Amino acid sequence: MKTLDRDRTPVRFTVLTSVTGGLVLAGILALLRGDALIAKVPAWTVLAAGSLAAIPLMLRRAPWTRRPRQAFLVTSAFSQKYWVAGFVQRVHVVLDRSGIDLVLKVPDRDYDAAAQAHHLRRILAARRGYLGGVIVATEVHRLRPDLVEFCSELALPVVFTDIEPFDDEADYPANTTFVGYLSRDLGNLAGRWLVTHFRQRGTRRPHVLIVASQQHPARQDHCASVLRTELTDVSITIDDSCAFQRPRAYDAVQSHIRLLAAKQGHLDAVFCTNDEMALGAVDALRATTSPVTADTVVIGVDGTTEARTLIDTGTSPLRATVVQDSHSLAESVVHALESMHERGKATKRTVLTPEIYEIK
């Protein structure tokens, strides 16, 4: 892009110089050759030539510029991640209302820091075309130095969302902000819902399986913490190998049911740290006829359309989901981006409040 920009201005300068130079020369010759020629060459041509001759000098002092109307969005995952796809769609809609085009950067492998670093380099190479952008970071402990270097070199507004890449507000580069839901809040809310559910049913010594991923570990950790604090007789198993994938969640639940059956145990609840895994857990429970799962309930995270629809039926083990409202998130993210672009500042952290969607 830099090469193209350097090539354009000299072309405009050369063309204008040729035209205006010819007009100036014609005016001078007219004056030197006498009244007869002056009568054929109107005086205004000399004035016009003089005015046009100044244009190349003005171009040199104020080169042509075009305000960029593109924003980038770098995602951490995309494959079979329906909440992510919905969020991307809503960001596109909100940006489009402001006449801003969205440039989407999707990793070739979900949750891969190397893939994100590649996209960051590509953005830097074309940074003159952007007004700023949004990053859903992954493997933040590994990627953090790259993010700091990227933001410094980019020198444009950057909004982080979904996961906080820095531990403290003071660590954020000057041209960045965070907008989103906190993983710990999502886990806390799920834990409180389960506590209420067990107390209402009078469940003694409840056993909870938490189906999770190594991404967003605070979701499972804080849910488990709430359960252990509020229910001293609870037992918890955490499987963080499911990578937010529905088939992996299915296998994990099936395997745990077999393990409990061998011990004559019971499974009272499954907390899945996203709705895709919650749907996989439901599939596994429906595929099993066992006293182990007679009263099992499932709670997820995200609030996807499929999960809400299943909850509304009232006939599914899926009873609730912790909602990350992708519409509100997209509006807040774009507002922060535009605020930094137009006024050069925004609140360093904007934390949204999750809600529970449950059967009425």
Protein backbone atom coordinates (compact mmCIF):
# COMPACT_ATOMS: atom_id res chain seq x y z
CA MET A 1 0.00 0.00 0.00
CA LYS A 2 2.85 2.40 0.70
CA THR A 3 4.28 1.85 -2.80
CA LEU A 4 0.95 2.59 -4.41
CA ASP A 5 0.56 5.81 -2.40
CA ARG A 6 4.02 7.03 -3.37
CA ASP A 7 3.31 6.39 -7.06
CA ARG A 8 0.05 8.35 -7.25
CA THR A 9 1.09 11.83 -6.14
CA PRO A 10 3.99 12.24 -8.62
CA VAL A 11 1.64 11.30 -11.50
CA ARG A 12 -0.85 14.00 -10.52
CA PHE A 13 1.97 16.50 -10.08
CA THR A 14 3.48 15.74 -13.51
CA VAL A 15 0.19 16.05 -15.38
CA LEU A 16 -0.77 19.31 -13.72
CA THR A 17 2.71 20.78 -14.22
CA SER A 18 2.60 19.97 -17.93
CA VAL A 19 -0.80 21.58 -18.43
CA THR A 20 -0.24 24.67 -16.34
CA GLY A 21 3.28 25.16 -17.66
CA GLY A 22 1.93 25.23 -21.20
CA LEU A 23 -0.71 27.80 -20.31
CA VAL A 24 1.85 30.05 -18.63
CA LEU A 25 4.16 29.79 -21.63
CA ALA A 26 1.31 30.65 -24.00
CA GLY A 27 0.47 33.75 -21.97
CA ILE A 28 4.07 34.98 -21.98
CA LEU A 29 4.43 34.49 -25.74
CA ALA A 30 1.21 36.37 -26.27
CA LEU A 31 2.52 39.37 -24.39
CA LEU A 32 5.83 39.35 -26.23
CA ARG A 33 4.34 39.09 -29.72
CA GLY A 34 2.08 42.14 -29.49
CA ASP A 35 -1.53 43.27 -29.57
CA ALA A 36 -2.60 41.12 -32.48
CA LEU A 37 -1.83 37.90 -30.65
CA ILE A 38 -3.14 39.26 -27.36
CA ALA A 39 -6.46 39.92 -29.06
CA LYS A 40 -6.67 36.21 -29.92
CA VAL A 41 -5.63 35.05 -26.44
CA PRO A 42 -8.02 36.37 -23.76
CA ALA A 43 -6.39 37.93 -20.73
CA TRP A 44 -8.17 35.52 -18.39
CA THR A 45 -6.02 32.65 -19.70
CA VAL A 46 -2.94 34.24 -18.19
CA LEU A 47 -4.63 34.61 -14.80
CA ALA A 48 -5.99 31.06 -14.98
CA ALA A 49 -2.56 29.74 -15.86
CA GLY A 50 -1.06 31.51 -12.90
CA SER A 51 -3.67 30.06 -10.56
CA LEU A 52 -3.25 26.54 -11.91
CA ALA A 53 0.49 26.82 -11.63
CA ALA A 54 0.14 27.12 -7.84
CA ILE A 55 -1.77 23.84 -7.53
CA PRO A 56 1.28 21.53 -7.66
CA LEU A 57 2.83 23.52 -4.83
CA MET A 58 -0.36 23.12 -2.81
CA LEU A 59 -0.36 19.39 -3.51
CA ARG A 60 3.16 19.10 -2.18
CA ARG A 61 2.21 20.93 1.00
CA ALA A 62 -1.13 19.07 1.50
CA PRO A 63 -1.04 15.62 -0.16
CA TRP A 64 -4.30 13.95 -1.06
CA THR A 65 -5.62 11.76 1.73
CA ARG A 66 -8.65 9.52 2.16
CA ARG A 67 -10.14 8.90 5.56
CA PRO A 68 -10.03 5.15 6.19
CA ARG A 69 -13.45 3.54 6.60
CA GLN A 70 -12.44 0.02 7.49
CA ALA A 71 -12.15 -1.72 10.84
CA PHE A 72 -10.59 -5.12 11.47
CA LEU A 73 -11.87 -7.91 13.70
CA VAL A 74 -9.43 -10.64 14.72
CA THR A 75 -11.19 -13.66 16.23
CA SER A 76 -9.68 -16.41 18.38
CA ALA A 77 -11.93 -19.09 16.88
CA PHE A 78 -14.63 -19.54 14.29
CA SER A 79 -15.15 -23.18 13.33
CA GLN A 80 -18.55 -24.35 14.62
CA LYS A 81 -18.61 -21.48 17.11
CA TYR A 82 -22.14 -20.16 16.61
CA TRP A 83 -21.97 -17.49 19.30
CA VAL A 84 -18.81 -16.11 17.67
CA ALA A 85 -20.49 -16.08 14.26
CA GLY A 86 -23.47 -14.23 15.72
CA PHE A 87 -21.20 -11.68 17.36
CA VAL A 88 -19.32 -11.09 14.09
CA GLN A 89 -22.60 -10.54 12.27
CA ARG A 90 -23.77 -7.99 14.82
CA VAL A 91 -20.46 -6.11 14.76
CA HIS A 92 -20.76 -5.94 10.97
CA VAL A 93 -24.29 -4.52 11.21
CA VAL A 94 -23.33 -1.87 13.78
CA LEU A 95 -20.24 -0.79 11.82
CA ASP A 96 -22.20 -0.70 8.57
CA ARG A 97 -24.65 1.78 10.07
CA SER A 98 -21.69 4.15 10.45
CA GLY A 99 -20.45 3.50 6.92
CA ILE A 100 -17.51 1.40 8.12
CA ASP A 101 -16.56 -1.85 6.37
CA LEU A 102 -15.54 -4.85 8.46
CA VAL A 103 -12.40 -6.82 7.60
CA LEU A 104 -12.59 -10.22 9.31
CA LYS A 105 -9.44 -12.16 10.28
CA VAL A 106 -10.22 -15.79 11.14
CA PRO A 107 -7.53 -18.22 12.38
CA ASP A 108 -6.88 -21.34 10.34
CA ARG A 109 -6.87 -23.21 13.67
CA ASP A 110 -9.02 -22.22 16.64
CA TYR A 111 -7.29 -20.77 19.71
CA ASP A 112 -3.85 -20.63 18.09
CA ALA A 113 -1.60 -17.72 19.12
CA ALA A 114 0.66 -18.20 16.10
CA ALA A 115 -2.31 -17.79 13.75
CA GLN A 116 -3.31 -14.58 15.52
CA ALA A 117 0.25 -13.22 15.38
CA HIS A 118 0.20 -13.80 11.61
CA HIS A 119 -2.98 -11.75 11.25
CA LEU A 120 -1.56 -8.97 13.39
CA ARG A 121 1.43 -8.69 11.06
CA ARG A 122 -0.88 -8.54 8.05
CA ILE A 123 -2.87 -5.73 9.65
CA LEU A 124 0.29 -3.74 10.37
CA ALA A 125 1.31 -4.04 6.72
CA ALA A 126 -2.00 -2.46 5.68
CA ARG A 127 -2.59 -0.18 8.69
CA ARG A 128 -3.13 2.97 6.60
CA GLY A 129 -6.41 1.47 5.43
CA TYR A 130 -7.87 1.08 8.94
CA LEU A 131 -9.35 3.41 11.51
CA GLY A 132 -8.85 0.77 14.21
CA GLY A 133 -10.18 -2.63 15.14
CA VAL A 134 -11.26 -5.34 17.56
CA ILE A 135 -9.25 -8.29 18.88
CA VAL A 136 -10.53 -11.43 20.58
CA ALA A 137 -7.19 -12.64 21.93
CA THR A 138 -6.17 -16.22 22.60
CA GLU A 139 -3.34 -17.80 24.61
CA VAL A 140 -2.85 -14.37 26.12
CA HIS A 141 0.14 -15.29 28.29
CA ARG A 142 1.96 -16.40 25.15
CA LEU A 143 0.65 -13.63 22.87
CA ARG A 144 0.90 -10.68 25.29
CA PRO A 145 4.31 -9.36 24.11
CA ASP A 146 3.06 -9.48 20.50
CA LEU A 147 -0.08 -7.57 21.45
CA VAL A 148 1.92 -4.81 23.17
CA GLU A 149 4.25 -4.47 20.19
CA PHE A 150 1.34 -4.56 17.74
CA CYS A 151 -0.64 -1.84 19.51
CA SER A 152 2.41 0.39 19.82
CA GLU A 153 3.32 0.10 16.15
CA LEU A 154 -0.28 0.31 14.92
CA ALA A 155 -0.98 3.57 16.83
CA LEU A 156 -4.72 3.18 16.12
CA PRO A 157 -7.65 2.40 18.44
CA VAL A 158 -7.87 -1.26 19.48
CA VAL A 159 -10.75 -2.77 21.46
CA PHE A 160 -10.16 -6.11 23.20
CA THR A 161 -13.18 -8.24 23.98
CA ASP A 162 -14.21 -11.69 25.24
CA ILE A 163 -11.04 -12.13 27.27
CA GLU A 164 -8.84 -9.56 29.02
CA PRO A 165 -5.29 -9.76 27.66
CA PHE A 166 -3.75 -7.79 30.55
CA ASP A 167 -3.97 -8.33 34.29
CA ASP A 168 -4.15 -4.67 35.27
CA GLU A 169 -5.52 -1.48 33.70
CA ALA A 170 -2.07 0.09 33.90
CA ASP A 171 -0.73 -2.62 31.61
CA TYR A 172 -3.01 -1.65 28.72
CA PRO A 173 -1.31 0.30 25.90
CA ALA A 174 -2.58 3.88 25.61
CA ASN A 175 -4.58 3.25 22.42
CA THR A 176 -6.49 0.23 23.77
CA THR A 177 -9.52 -0.65 25.88
CA PHE A 178 -11.44 -3.74 27.00
CA VAL A 179 -15.19 -4.20 26.53
CA GLY A 180 -16.95 -7.41 27.50
CA TYR A 181 -18.12 -9.93 30.03
CA LEU A 182 -15.69 -11.23 32.64
CA SER A 183 -15.15 -14.98 32.74
CA ARG A 184 -15.29 -14.98 36.53
CA ASP A 185 -18.73 -13.31 36.47
CA LEU A 186 -20.06 -15.98 34.11
CA GLY A 187 -18.75 -18.76 36.38
CA ASN A 188 -20.05 -17.10 39.53
CA LEU A 189 -23.54 -16.73 38.08
CA ALA A 190 -23.64 -20.36 36.96
CA GLY A 191 -22.49 -21.48 40.40
CA ARG A 192 -25.18 -19.43 42.15
CA TRP A 193 -27.86 -20.86 39.85
CA LEU A 194 -26.77 -24.41 40.71
CA VAL A 195 -26.72 -23.64 44.45
CA THR A 196 -30.28 -22.31 44.25
CA HIS A 197 -31.37 -25.34 42.20
CA PHE A 198 -29.95 -27.85 44.71
CA ARG A 199 -31.42 -26.04 47.70
CA GLN A 200 -34.86 -25.82 46.14
CA ARG A 201 -34.81 -29.56 45.39
CA GLY A 202 -33.27 -30.47 48.74
CA THR A 203 -30.43 -32.32 47.01
CA ARG A 204 -27.99 -33.88 49.46
CA ARG A 205 -24.34 -34.42 48.56
CA PRO A 206 -24.77 -33.20 44.95
CA HIS A 207 -22.27 -34.26 42.32
CA VAL A 208 -21.46 -31.79 39.52
CA LEU A 209 -19.51 -32.43 36.34
CA ILE A 210 -17.98 -29.28 34.84
CA VAL A 211 -17.29 -29.65 31.12
CA ALA A 212 -14.81 -26.97 30.14
CA SER A 213 -11.93 -25.77 28.00
CA GLN A 214 -8.45 -24.52 28.75
CA GLN A 215 -9.61 -21.19 27.32
CA HIS A 216 -11.46 -19.00 29.85
CA PRO A 217 -10.46 -21.14 32.88
CA ALA A 218 -12.03 -18.61 35.26
CA ARG A 219 -15.46 -19.82 34.18
CA GLN A 220 -14.99 -23.31 35.64
CA ASP A 221 -12.78 -22.18 38.53
CA HIS A 222 -15.22 -19.59 39.86
CA CYS A 223 -18.23 -21.85 39.43
CA ALA A 224 -16.47 -24.55 41.44
CA SER A 225 -15.46 -21.99 44.08
CA VAL A 226 -19.06 -20.83 44.58
CA LEU A 227 -20.29 -24.42 44.86
CA ARG A 228 -17.65 -25.38 47.43
CA THR A 229 -18.28 -22.22 49.48
CA GLU A 230 -22.06 -22.58 49.56
CA LEU A 231 -22.42 -26.37 49.63
CA THR A 232 -19.96 -28.07 51.95
CA ASP A 233 -21.03 -31.57 50.86
CA VAL A 234 -20.72 -31.03 47.09
CA SER A 235 -18.38 -33.12 44.92
CA ILE A 236 -17.07 -31.71 41.66
CA THR A 237 -15.26 -33.18 38.66
CA ILE A 238 -13.73 -30.78 36.10
CA ASP A 239 -12.89 -31.92 32.57
CA ASP A 240 -11.16 -29.05 30.73
CA SER A 241 -10.25 -31.06 27.62
CA CYS A 242 -13.39 -30.36 25.57
CA ALA A 243 -12.19 -27.19 23.76
CA PHE A 244 -15.71 -25.71 23.46
CA GLN A 245 -16.64 -28.53 21.04
CA ARG A 246 -19.98 -30.34 21.07
CA PRO A 247 -18.64 -33.83 20.14
CA ARG A 248 -15.95 -33.67 22.83
CA ALA A 249 -18.54 -32.70 25.44
CA TYR A 250 -20.69 -35.64 24.35
CA ASP A 251 -17.79 -38.06 24.85
CA ALA A 252 -16.81 -36.52 28.19
CA VAL A 253 -20.33 -36.85 29.64
CA GLN A 254 -20.76 -40.41 28.34
CA SER A 255 -17.42 -41.41 29.87
CA HIS A 256 -18.31 -39.85 33.22
CA ILE A 257 -21.68 -41.58 33.30
CA ARG A 258 -19.98 -44.96 32.83
CA LEU A 259 -17.54 -44.15 35.62
CA LEU A 260 -20.35 -43.20 38.03
CA ALA A 261 -22.39 -46.25 37.09
CA ALA A 262 -19.51 -48.50 38.06
CA LYS A 263 -19.41 -46.80 41.47
CA GLN A 264 -23.21 -46.63 41.80
CA GLY A 265 -22.98 -42.87 41.89
CA HIS A 266 -25.30 -40.16 40.58
CA LEU A 267 -24.87 -37.10 38.38
CA ASP A 268 -26.95 -34.19 39.60
CA ALA A 269 -25.76 -31.45 37.25
CA VAL A 270 -23.48 -30.65 34.34
CA PHE A 271 -22.11 -27.15 33.94
CA CYS A 272 -20.70 -26.51 30.47
CA THR A 273 -18.69 -23.36 29.91
CA ASN A 274 -20.34 -22.69 26.54
CA ASP A 275 -23.65 -23.63 24.95
CA GLU A 276 -22.13 -25.83 22.24
CA MET A 277 -20.79 -28.14 24.92
CA ALA A 278 -24.08 -27.92 26.81
CA LEU A 279 -25.89 -29.19 23.72
CA GLY A 280 -23.35 -32.02 23.50
CA ALA A 281 -24.06 -32.87 27.15
CA VAL A 282 -27.79 -32.99 26.41
CA ASP A 283 -27.13 -35.33 23.47
CA ALA A 284 -25.13 -37.63 25.75
CA LEU A 285 -27.82 -37.68 28.45
CA ARG A 286 -30.56 -38.45 25.93
CA ALA A 287 -28.49 -41.28 24.48
CA THR A 288 -28.20 -42.91 27.93
CA THR A 289 -30.75 -44.74 30.05
CA SER A 290 -29.29 -44.98 33.52
CA PRO A 291 -30.32 -44.30 37.11
CA VAL A 292 -27.13 -42.22 37.30
CA THR A 293 -28.75 -39.48 35.19
CA ALA A 294 -32.37 -39.67 36.32
CA ASP A 295 -32.41 -36.09 37.65
CA THR A 296 -29.47 -34.50 35.85
CA VAL A 297 -29.78 -30.86 34.83
CA VAL A 298 -27.51 -28.94 32.45
CA ILE A 299 -26.54 -25.26 32.44
CA GLY A 300 -24.48 -23.58 29.72
CA VAL A 301 -22.95 -20.23 28.86
CA ASP A 302 -23.62 -17.85 25.93
CA GLY A 303 -27.37 -17.73 25.37
CA THR A 304 -27.35 -19.00 21.77
CA THR A 305 -30.63 -19.29 19.90
CA GLU A 306 -30.52 -23.10 19.85
CA ALA A 307 -29.91 -23.29 23.59
CA ARG A 308 -32.72 -20.85 24.41
CA THR A 309 -35.13 -22.72 22.16
CA LEU A 310 -34.30 -26.01 23.86
CA ILE A 311 -34.73 -24.47 27.31
CA ASP A 312 -38.13 -23.11 26.29
CA THR A 313 -39.43 -26.60 25.48
CA GLY A 314 -39.30 -27.49 29.17
CA THR A 315 -38.60 -31.11 28.29
CA SER A 316 -34.81 -31.00 28.07
CA PRO A 317 -32.11 -31.48 30.71
CA LEU A 318 -30.85 -28.05 29.61
CA ARG A 319 -32.52 -25.75 32.11
CA ALA A 320 -30.50 -22.54 31.94
CA THR A 321 -27.72 -20.63 30.22
CA VAL A 322 -25.64 -17.65 31.33
CA VAL A 323 -26.24 -15.06 28.64
CA GLN A 324 -23.50 -13.06 26.96
CA ASP A 325 -25.70 -10.75 24.90
CA SER A 326 -23.86 -10.51 21.58
CA HIS A 327 -26.06 -7.58 20.44
CA SER A 328 -25.24 -5.45 23.50
CA LEU A 329 -21.61 -6.49 23.29
CA ALA A 330 -21.32 -5.51 19.62
CA GLU A 331 -22.94 -2.12 20.28
CA SER A 332 -20.60 -1.44 23.21
CA VAL A 333 -17.49 -2.56 21.31
CA VAL A 334 -18.22 -0.36 18.29
CA HIS A 335 -19.11 2.59 20.52
CA ALA A 336 -15.73 2.32 22.25
CA LEU A 337 -13.93 2.02 18.92
CA GLU A 338 -15.63 5.09 17.46
CA SER A 339 -15.09 7.06 20.68
CA MET A 340 -11.34 6.43 20.55
CA HIS A 341 -11.20 7.17 16.83
CA GLU A 342 -13.12 10.45 17.07
CA ARG A 343 -12.07 11.75 20.49
CA GLY A 344 -8.88 9.83 21.16
CA LYS A 345 -10.09 8.30 24.40
CA ALA A 346 -12.45 5.77 25.95
CA THR A 347 -13.06 4.12 29.30
CA LYS A 348 -10.19 1.71 29.90
CA ARG A 349 -12.50 -1.16 30.89
CA THR A 350 -16.21 -1.56 30.21
CA VAL A 351 -17.58 -4.62 31.98
CA LEU A 352 -21.04 -5.90 30.98
CA THR A 353 -23.35 -7.79 33.36
CA PRO A 354 -24.45 -11.31 32.38
CA GLU A 355 -27.95 -12.64 33.01
CA ILE A 356 -29.50 -16.07 33.44
CA TYR A 357 -31.93 -17.38 30.83
CA GLU A 358 -33.95 -20.21 32.32
CA ILE A 359 -37.21 -22.05 31.98
CA LYS A 360 -40.10 -19.95 33.28
